C-alpha atoms as a PDB file:
ATOM      1  CA  UNK A   1       0.000   0.000   0.000  1.00  0.00           C
ATOM      2  CA  UNK A   2       1.200   3.494  -0.812  1.00  0.00           C
ATOM      3  CA  UNK A   3       0.140   6.968   0.248  1.00  0.00           C
ATOM      4  CA  UNK A   4       1.142   8.280  -3.203  1.00  0.00           C
ATOM      5  CA  UNK A   5      -0.790   7.600  -6.375  1.00  0.00           C
ATOM      6  CA  UNK A   6       1.449   5.028  -8.172  1.00  0.00           C
ATOM      7  CA  UNK A   7       0.431   6.381 -11.584  1.00  0.00           C
ATOM      8  CA  UNK A   8       1.540   9.896 -10.655  1.00  0.00           C
ATOM      9  CA  UNK A   9       4.740   8.578  -9.068  1.00  0.00           C
ATOM     10  CA  UNK A  10       5.557   6.560 -12.180  1.00  0.00           C
ATOM     11  CA  UNK A  11       4.943   9.575 -14.404  1.00  0.00           C
ATOM     12  CA  UNK A  12       7.180  11.767 -12.246  1.00  0.00           C
ATOM     13  CA  UNK A  13       9.966   9.182 -12.406  1.00  0.00           C
ATOM     14  CA  UNK A  14       9.614   8.945 -16.189  1.00  0.00           C
ATOM     15  CA  UNK A  15       9.784  12.729 -16.588  1.00  0.00           C
ATOM     16  CA  UNK A  16      12.628  13.285 -14.128  1.00  0.00           C
ATOM     17  CA  UNK A  17      15.636  15.048 -15.663  1.00  0.00           C
ATOM     18  CA  UNK A  18      18.512  12.566 -16.138  1.00  0.00           C
ATOM     19  CA  UNK A  19      21.440  13.276 -13.855  1.00  0.00           C
ATOM     20  CA  UNK A  20      24.931  14.133 -15.078  1.00  0.00           C
ATOM     21  CA  UNK A  21      26.114  10.806 -13.657  1.00  0.00           C
ATOM     22  CA  UNK A  22      23.644   8.915 -15.825  1.00  0.00           C
ATOM     23  CA  UNK A  23      24.714  10.930 -18.868  1.00  0.00           C
ATOM     24  CA  UNK A  24      28.379  10.178 -18.165  1.00  0.00           C
ATOM     25  CA  UNK A  25      27.745   6.443 -17.707  1.00  0.00           C
ATOM     26  CA  UNK A  26      25.819   6.154 -20.981  1.00  0.00           C
ATOM     27  CA  UNK A  27      28.492   8.108 -22.868  1.00  0.00           C
ATOM     28  CA  UNK A  28      31.146   5.795 -21.445  1.00  0.00           C
ATOM     29  CA  UNK A  29      29.144   2.775 -22.591  1.00  0.00           C
ATOM     30  CA  UNK A  30      28.882   4.296 -26.069  1.00  0.00           C
ATOM     31  CA  UNK A  31      32.634   4.936 -26.075  1.00  0.00           C
ATOM     32  CA  UNK A  32      33.467   1.402 -24.935  1.00  0.00           C
ATOM     33  CA  UNK A  33      30.996  -0.114 -27.386  1.00  0.00           C
ATOM     34  CA  UNK A  34      32.458   1.898 -30.255  1.00  0.00           C
ATOM     35  CA  UNK A  35      35.988   0.996 -29.142  1.00  0.00           C
ATOM     36  CA  UNK A  36      35.174  -2.729 -29.064  1.00  0.00           C
ATOM     37  CA  UNK A  37      33.372  -2.631 -32.410  1.00  0.00           C
ATOM     38  CA  UNK A  38      36.196  -0.632 -34.020  1.00  0.00           C
ATOM     39  CA  UNK A  39      38.801  -2.981 -32.584  1.00  0.00           C
ATOM     40  CA  UNK A  40      36.861  -5.981 -33.873  1.00  0.00           C
ATOM     41  CA  UNK A  41      36.197  -4.673 -37.374  1.00  0.00           C
ATOM     42  CA  UNK A  42      39.686  -3.218 -37.663  1.00  0.00           C
ATOM     43  CA  UNK A  43      41.181  -6.505 -36.523  1.00  0.00           C
ATOM     44  CA  UNK A  44      38.964  -8.363 -38.967  1.00  0.00           C
ATOM     45  CA  UNK A  45      40.215  -6.175 -41.821  1.00  0.00           C
ATOM     46  CA  UNK A  46      43.808  -6.761 -40.754  1.00  0.00           C
ATOM     47  CA  UNK A  47      43.162 -10.487 -40.410  1.00  0.00           C
ATOM     48  CA  UNK A  48      41.714 -10.715 -43.928  1.00  0.00           C
ATOM     49  CA  UNK A  49      44.809  -8.952 -45.284  1.00  0.00           C
ATOM     50  CA  UNK A  50      47.316 -11.141 -43.447  1.00  0.00           C
ATOM     51  CA  UNK A  51      45.228 -14.358 -43.690  1.00  0.00           C
ATOM     52  CA  UNK A  52      46.335 -15.987 -40.409  1.00  0.00           C
ATOM     53  CA  UNK A  53      45.782 -19.679 -39.739  1.00  0.00           C
ATOM     54  CA  UNK A  54      43.620 -18.987 -36.677  1.00  0.00           C
ATOM     55  CA  UNK A  55      41.612 -15.764 -36.333  1.00  0.00           C
ATOM     56  CA  UNK A  56      42.218 -14.008 -32.971  1.00  0.00           C
ATOM     57  CA  UNK A  57      39.413 -14.871 -30.569  1.00  0.00           C
ATOM     58  CA  UNK A  58      39.419 -11.356 -29.090  1.00  0.00           C
ATOM     59  CA  UNK A  59      38.715  -9.834 -32.507  1.00  0.00           C
ATOM     60  CA  UNK A  60      35.789 -12.148 -33.176  1.00  0.00           C
ATOM     61  CA  UNK A  61      34.293 -11.517 -29.722  1.00  0.00           C
ATOM     62  CA  UNK A  62      34.767  -7.741 -29.864  1.00  0.00           C
ATOM     63  CA  UNK A  63      32.515  -7.290 -32.910  1.00  0.00           C
ATOM     64  CA  UNK A  64      29.207  -8.662 -31.511  1.00  0.00           C
ATOM     65  CA  UNK A  65      29.878  -7.394 -27.985  1.00  0.00           C
ATOM     66  CA  UNK A  66      30.687  -3.903 -29.242  1.00  0.00           C
ATOM     67  CA  UNK A  67      27.696  -3.746 -31.583  1.00  0.00           C
ATOM     68  CA  UNK A  68      25.271  -4.933 -28.888  1.00  0.00           C
ATOM     69  CA  UNK A  69      26.687  -2.427 -26.415  1.00  0.00           C
ATOM     70  CA  UNK A  70      26.396   0.408 -28.955  1.00  0.00           C
ATOM     71  CA  UNK A  71      22.768  -0.487 -29.734  1.00  0.00           C
ATOM     72  CA  UNK A  72      21.745  -0.742 -26.067  1.00  0.00           C
ATOM     73  CA  UNK A  73      23.577   2.459 -25.083  1.00  0.00           C
ATOM     74  CA  UNK A  74      22.150   4.317 -28.109  1.00  0.00           C
ATOM     75  CA  UNK A  75      18.618   3.476 -26.964  1.00  0.00           C
ATOM     76  CA  UNK A  76      19.470   4.743 -23.486  1.00  0.00           C
ATOM     77  CA  UNK A  77      20.998   7.897 -24.995  1.00  0.00           C
ATOM     78  CA  UNK A  78      17.878   8.574 -27.071  1.00  0.00           C
ATOM     79  CA  UNK A  79      15.793   8.376 -23.885  1.00  0.00           C
ATOM     80  CA  UNK A  80      18.132  10.874 -22.201  1.00  0.00           C
ATOM     81  CA  UNK A  81      17.988  13.299 -25.128  1.00  0.00           C
ATOM     82  CA  UNK A  82      14.184  13.398 -24.915  1.00  0.00           C
ATOM     83  CA  UNK A  83      14.511  14.767 -21.367  1.00  0.00           C
ATOM     84  CA  UNK A  84      17.611  16.963 -21.692  1.00  0.00           C
ATOM     85  CA  UNK A  85      17.373  19.911 -24.056  1.00  0.00           C
ATOM     86  CA  UNK A  86      21.078  20.696 -23.637  1.00  0.00           C
ATOM     87  CA  UNK A  87      22.069  17.399 -25.269  1.00  0.00           C
ATOM     88  CA  UNK A  88      21.479  15.851 -28.672  1.00  0.00           C
ATOM     89  CA  UNK A  89      21.854  12.631 -30.629  1.00  0.00           C
ATOM     90  CA  UNK A  90      24.987  13.947 -32.360  1.00  0.00           C
ATOM     91  CA  UNK A  91      26.935  13.873 -29.095  1.00  0.00           C
ATOM     92  CA  UNK A  92      26.215  10.165 -28.806  1.00  0.00           C
ATOM     93  CA  UNK A  93      27.163   9.565 -32.439  1.00  0.00           C
ATOM     94  CA  UNK A  94      30.411  11.464 -31.937  1.00  0.00           C
ATOM     95  CA  UNK A  95      31.259   9.322 -28.908  1.00  0.00           C
ATOM     96  CA  UNK A  96      30.651   6.049 -30.780  1.00  0.00           C
ATOM     97  CA  UNK A  97      32.708   7.176 -33.779  1.00  0.00           C
ATOM     98  CA  UNK A  98      35.510   8.352 -31.505  1.00  0.00           C
ATOM     99  CA  UNK A  99      35.686   4.950 -29.830  1.00  0.00           C
ATOM    100  CA  UNK A 100      35.468   3.109 -33.149  1.00  0.00           C
ATOM    101  CA  UNK A 101      38.220   5.228 -34.681  1.00  0.00           C
ATOM    102  CA  UNK A 102      40.538   4.662 -31.746  1.00  0.00           C
ATOM    103  CA  UNK A 103      39.784   0.920 -31.801  1.00  0.00           C
ATOM    104  CA  UNK A 104      40.603   0.622 -35.498  1.00  0.00           C
ATOM    105  CA  UNK A 105      43.833   2.582 -35.127  1.00  0.00           C
ATOM    106  CA  UNK A 106      44.980   0.583 -32.084  1.00  0.00           C
ATOM    107  CA  UNK A 107      44.433  -2.832 -33.661  1.00  0.00           C
ATOM    108  CA  UNK A 108      46.115  -1.865 -36.922  1.00  0.00           C
ATOM    109  CA  UNK A 109      48.917   0.295 -35.516  1.00  0.00           C
ATOM    110  CA  UNK A 110      51.687  -2.303 -35.646  1.00  0.00           C
ATOM    111  CA  UNK A 111      51.178  -4.711 -38.499  1.00  0.00           C
ATOM    112  CA  UNK A 112      47.898  -3.704 -40.063  1.00  0.00           C
ATOM    113  CA  UNK A 113      47.638  -2.406 -43.621  1.00  0.00           C
ATOM    114  CA  UNK A 114      47.662   1.352 -44.125  1.00  0.00           C
ATOM    115  CA  UNK A 115      44.116   1.519 -45.481  1.00  0.00           C
ATOM    116  CA  UNK A 116      42.747   0.155 -42.185  1.00  0.00           C
ATOM    117  CA  UNK A 117      44.456   2.939 -40.249  1.00  0.00           C
ATOM    118  CA  UNK A 118      43.075   5.467 -42.723  1.00  0.00           C
ATOM    119  CA  UNK A 119      39.593   4.161 -41.954  1.00  0.00           C
ATOM    120  CA  UNK A 120      40.301   4.808 -38.280  1.00  0.00           C
ATOM    121  CA  UNK A 121      41.396   8.369 -39.017  1.00  0.00           C
ATOM    122  CA  UNK A 122      38.278   8.836 -41.135  1.00  0.00           C
ATOM    123  CA  UNK A 123      36.108   7.730 -38.214  1.00  0.00           C
ATOM    124  CA  UNK A 124      37.851  10.262 -35.976  1.00  0.00           C
ATOM    125  CA  UNK A 125      37.150  12.965 -38.545  1.00  0.00           C
ATOM    126  CA  UNK A 126      33.480  11.949 -38.651  1.00  0.00           C
ATOM    127  CA  UNK A 127      33.404  12.102 -34.845  1.00  0.00           C
ATOM    128  CA  UNK A 128      34.687  15.681 -35.003  1.00  0.00           C
ATOM    129  CA  UNK A 129      32.024  16.574 -37.584  1.00  0.00           C
ATOM    130  CA  UNK A 130      29.269  15.060 -35.420  1.00  0.00           C
ATOM    131  CA  UNK A 131      30.549  16.971 -32.403  1.00  0.00           C
ATOM    132  CA  UNK A 132      30.478  20.247 -34.338  1.00  0.00           C
ATOM    133  CA  UNK A 133      26.955  19.480 -35.565  1.00  0.00           C
ATOM    134  CA  UNK A 134      25.916  18.712 -32.000  1.00  0.00           C
ATOM    135  CA  UNK A 135      27.301  22.010 -30.734  1.00  0.00           C
ATOM    136  CA  UNK A 136      25.579  23.865 -33.596  1.00  0.00           C
ATOM    137  CA  UNK A 137      22.270  22.127 -32.859  1.00  0.00           C
ATOM    138  CA  UNK A 138      22.554  22.986 -29.159  1.00  0.00           C
ATOM    139  CA  UNK A 139      23.137  26.625 -30.089  1.00  0.00           C
ATOM    140  CA  UNK A 140      20.096  26.563 -32.373  1.00  0.00           C
ATOM    141  CA  UNK A 141      17.953  25.147 -29.552  1.00  0.00           C
ATOM    142  CA  UNK A 142      19.093  27.910 -27.217  1.00  0.00           C
ATOM    143  CA  UNK A 143      18.332  30.563 -29.823  1.00  0.00           C
ATOM    144  CA  UNK A 144      14.891  29.019 -30.379  1.00  0.00           C
ATOM    145  CA  UNK A 145      14.160  29.117 -26.666  1.00  0.00           C
ATOM    146  CA  UNK A 146      15.362  32.730 -26.491  1.00  0.00           C
ATOM    147  CA  UNK A 147      13.068  33.712 -29.383  1.00  0.00           C
ATOM    148  CA  UNK A 148      10.111  31.936 -27.770  1.00  0.00           C
ATOM    149  CA  UNK A 149      10.744  33.550 -24.393  1.00  0.00           C
ATOM    150  CA  UNK A 150      10.898  36.952 -26.089  1.00  0.00           C
ATOM    151  CA  UNK A 151       7.652  36.203 -27.963  1.00  0.00           C
ATOM    152  CA  UNK A 152       5.925  35.272 -24.713  1.00  0.00           C
ATOM    153  CA  UNK A 153       7.123  38.466 -23.020  1.00  0.00           C
ATOM    154  CA  UNK A 154       6.272  40.897 -25.796  1.00  0.00           C
ATOM    155  CA  UNK A 155       3.610  39.017 -27.783  1.00  0.00           C
ATOM    156  CA  UNK A 156      -0.156  39.081 -27.532  1.00  0.00           C
ATOM    157  CA  UNK A 157      -1.729  36.251 -25.575  1.00  0.00           C
ATOM    158  CA  UNK A 158      -4.939  34.623 -26.785  1.00  0.00           C
ATOM    159  CA  UNK A 159      -6.711  31.315 -26.297  1.00  0.00           C
ATOM    160  CA  UNK A 160      -6.054  28.694 -28.971  1.00  0.00           C
ATOM    161  CA  UNK A 161      -8.174  25.613 -29.612  1.00  0.00           C
ATOM    162  CA  UNK A 162      -7.069  22.198 -30.882  1.00  0.00           C
ATOM    163  CA  UNK A 163      -8.850  21.798 -34.216  1.00  0.00           C
ATOM    164  CA  UNK A 164      -7.149  18.550 -35.266  1.00  0.00           C
ATOM    165  CA  UNK A 165      -5.243  16.450 -32.770  1.00  0.00           C
ATOM    166  CA  UNK A 166      -3.602  14.477 -35.587  1.00  0.00           C
ATOM    167  CA  UNK A 167      -4.460  10.925 -34.489  1.00  0.00           C
ATOM    168  CA  UNK A 168      -7.444   8.690 -33.785  1.00  0.00           C
ATOM    169  CA  UNK A 169      -6.505   6.035 -31.206  1.00  0.00           C
ATOM    170  CA  UNK A 170      -3.405   4.592 -29.562  1.00  0.00           C
ATOM    171  CA  UNK A 171      -2.421   1.143 -30.823  1.00  0.00           C
ATOM    172  CA  UNK A 172       0.533  -0.946 -29.601  1.00  0.00           C
ATOM    173  CA  UNK A 173       2.556   2.013 -28.355  1.00  0.00           C
ATOM    174  CA  UNK A 174       1.480   4.323 -25.550  1.00  0.00           C
ATOM    175  CA  UNK A 175       3.002   7.277 -27.439  1.00  0.00           C
ATOM    176  CA  UNK A 176       2.200   8.819 -30.803  1.00  0.00           C
ATOM    177  CA  UNK A 177       4.293  11.296 -32.759  1.00  0.00           C
ATOM    178  CA  UNK A 178       1.880  13.517 -34.661  1.00  0.00           C
ATOM    179  CA  UNK A 179       1.200  17.027 -35.936  1.00  0.00           C
ATOM    180  CA  UNK A 180      -1.425  18.916 -33.934  1.00  0.00           C
ATOM    181  CA  UNK A 181      -3.347  21.832 -35.472  1.00  0.00           C
ATOM    182  CA  UNK A 182      -4.307  24.824 -33.334  1.00  0.00           C
ATOM    183  CA  UNK A 183      -6.733  27.580 -34.309  1.00  0.00           C
ATOM    184  CA  UNK A 184      -6.842  31.137 -32.934  1.00  0.00           C
ATOM    185  CA  UNK A 185      -8.218  34.559 -33.828  1.00  0.00           C
ATOM    186  CA  UNK A 186      -5.916  37.573 -34.137  1.00  0.00           C
ATOM    187  CA  UNK A 187      -6.729  41.140 -33.101  1.00  0.00           C
ATOM    188  CA  UNK A 188      -8.225  41.914 -36.527  1.00  0.00           C
ATOM    189  CA  UNK A 189     -10.698  39.069 -36.156  1.00  0.00           C
ATOM    190  CA  UNK A 190      -8.931  36.849 -38.701  1.00  0.00           C
ATOM    191  CA  UNK A 191      -9.022  33.170 -37.819  1.00  0.00           C
ATOM    192  CA  UNK A 192      -5.642  31.497 -38.236  1.00  0.00           C
ATOM    193  CA  UNK A 193      -4.243  28.005 -37.848  1.00  0.00           C
ATOM    194  CA  UNK A 194      -0.804  26.842 -36.793  1.00  0.00           C
ATOM    195  CA  UNK A 195       0.617  23.316 -36.659  1.00  0.00           C
ATOM    196  CA  UNK A 196       3.129  21.925 -34.213  1.00  0.00           C
ATOM    197  CA  UNK A 197       4.765  18.459 -33.993  1.00  0.00           C
ATOM    198  CA  UNK A 198       4.045  16.770 -30.680  1.00  0.00           C
ATOM    199  CA  UNK A 199       4.714  13.504 -28.892  1.00  0.00           C
ATOM    200  CA  UNK A 200       1.366  12.581 -27.307  1.00  0.00           C
ATOM    201  CA  UNK A 201       1.198  10.075 -24.461  1.00  0.00           C
ATOM    202  CA  UNK A 202      -1.708   7.782 -23.724  1.00  0.00           C
ATOM    203  CA  UNK A 203      -1.927   8.965 -20.114  1.00  0.00           C
ATOM    204  CA  UNK A 204      -2.145  12.592 -21.262  1.00  0.00           C
ATOM    205  CA  UNK A 205      -4.012  12.569 -24.610  1.00  0.00           C
ATOM    206  CA  UNK A 206      -4.856  15.598 -26.726  1.00  0.00           C
ATOM    207  CA  UNK A 207      -8.537  16.223 -27.464  1.00  0.00           C
ATOM    208  CA  UNK A 208     -10.143  18.223 -30.256  1.00  0.00           C
ATOM    209  CA  UNK A 209     -11.581  21.386 -28.739  1.00  0.00           C
ATOM    210  CA  UNK A 210      -8.955  21.460 -25.986  1.00  0.00           C
ATOM    211  CA  UNK A 211      -7.839  24.975 -25.119  1.00  0.00           C
ATOM    212  CA  UNK A 212      -4.364  26.319 -24.487  1.00  0.00           C
ATOM    213  CA  UNK A 213      -2.556  29.643 -24.384  1.00  0.00           C
ATOM    214  CA  UNK A 214      -0.928  31.041 -27.500  1.00  0.00           C
ATOM    215  CA  UNK A 215       1.297  34.076 -28.024  1.00  0.00           C
ATOM    216  CA  UNK A 216       1.765  35.844 -31.364  1.00  0.00           C
ATOM    217  CA  UNK A 217       3.175  39.063 -32.810  1.00  0.00           C
ATOM    218  CA  UNK A 218       0.223  41.435 -33.132  1.00  0.00           C
ATOM    219  CA  UNK A 219       2.085  43.483 -35.763  1.00  0.00           C
ATOM    220  CA  UNK A 220       2.712  40.376 -37.876  1.00  0.00           C
ATOM    221  CA  UNK A 221       0.270  37.634 -36.835  1.00  0.00           C
ATOM    222  CA  UNK A 222       1.228  35.475 -39.830  1.00  0.00           C
ATOM    223  CA  UNK A 223       4.817  35.069 -38.612  1.00  0.00           C
ATOM    224  CA  UNK A 224       4.855  31.409 -37.603  1.00  0.00           C
ATOM    225  CA  UNK A 225       8.265  31.695 -35.914  1.00  0.00           C
ATOM    226  CA  UNK A 226       6.875  34.294 -33.490  1.00  0.00           C
ATOM    227  CA  UNK A 227       3.959  32.054 -32.459  1.00  0.00           C
ATOM    228  CA  UNK A 228       4.322  30.082 -29.231  1.00  0.00           C
ATOM    229  CA  UNK A 229       1.775  27.413 -28.283  1.00  0.00           C
ATOM    230  CA  UNK A 230       1.916  26.472 -24.619  1.00  0.00           C
ATOM    231  CA  UNK A 231       0.583  22.936 -25.090  1.00  0.00           C
ATOM    232  CA  UNK A 232       3.099  22.153 -27.824  1.00  0.00           C
ATOM    233  CA  UNK A 233       5.962  23.525 -25.745  1.00  0.00           C
ATOM    234  CA  UNK A 234       5.010  21.154 -22.938  1.00  0.00           C
ATOM    235  CA  UNK A 235       5.296  18.141 -25.258  1.00  0.00           C
ATOM    236  CA  UNK A 236       7.950  15.525 -24.303  1.00  0.00           C
ATOM    237  CA  UNK A 237       9.315  16.067 -27.830  1.00  0.00           C
ATOM    238  CA  UNK A 238      10.789  19.352 -26.604  1.00  0.00           C
ATOM    239  CA  UNK A 239      13.171  18.573 -23.793  1.00  0.00           C
ATOM    240  CA  UNK A 240      13.649  21.573 -21.484  1.00  0.00           C
ATOM    241  CA  UNK A 241      16.933  23.419 -21.452  1.00  0.00           C
ATOM    242  CA  UNK A 242      18.683  23.894 -18.080  1.00  0.00           C
ATOM    243  CA  UNK A 243      17.849  27.129 -16.295  1.00  0.00           C
ATOM    244  CA  UNK A 244      20.664  29.669 -16.327  1.00  0.00           C
END
């Protein structure tokens, strides 16, 4: 027996912001998985070139272990990204590629053919590109949040209504990624519609006719980028950024 509603408690646990420790652990798993996979595939390429009598057991084990670890850690990373607006998938990709590049270079450093080492260097270059893309995406998210905060401070607030929730029923999954349409009337009496992508959960469904707050630029009500829909901003699809 519990004095707390288990449904509410479960929802709060699911929505809790992942800690830095959890982020670090998952990134380390991605790094190790990439390292093992890179070591295995790099060793396999070296082995095929040298054609040894008996393939090294470590190389053959590293490939499936590394791939499984990368897949499992990537799923965990995706779950973290949904709850942390300061992170992105590219950081995880960069970590995997970094590990894979190092693994390939290590296994082929002594006797491996040159082309295998070049593959390792190429993976490191791709890791750097993914890291730069991740930093750029994080900057874009911060700019988006800044624009939305400015629109909410200086914009005109009205009540918007869900005119099309974008789905009918939940099937196997308890979550649906859809585009929700909101309707509102500007200060000139013109009825307008705006669409926002949302991740809708079965325990918190969207209903046609549901009301929410909306902010827009009264001087340019057709500017979609200056429109902020409160319900869409609360969607799990938009992980919150840390408060500064």
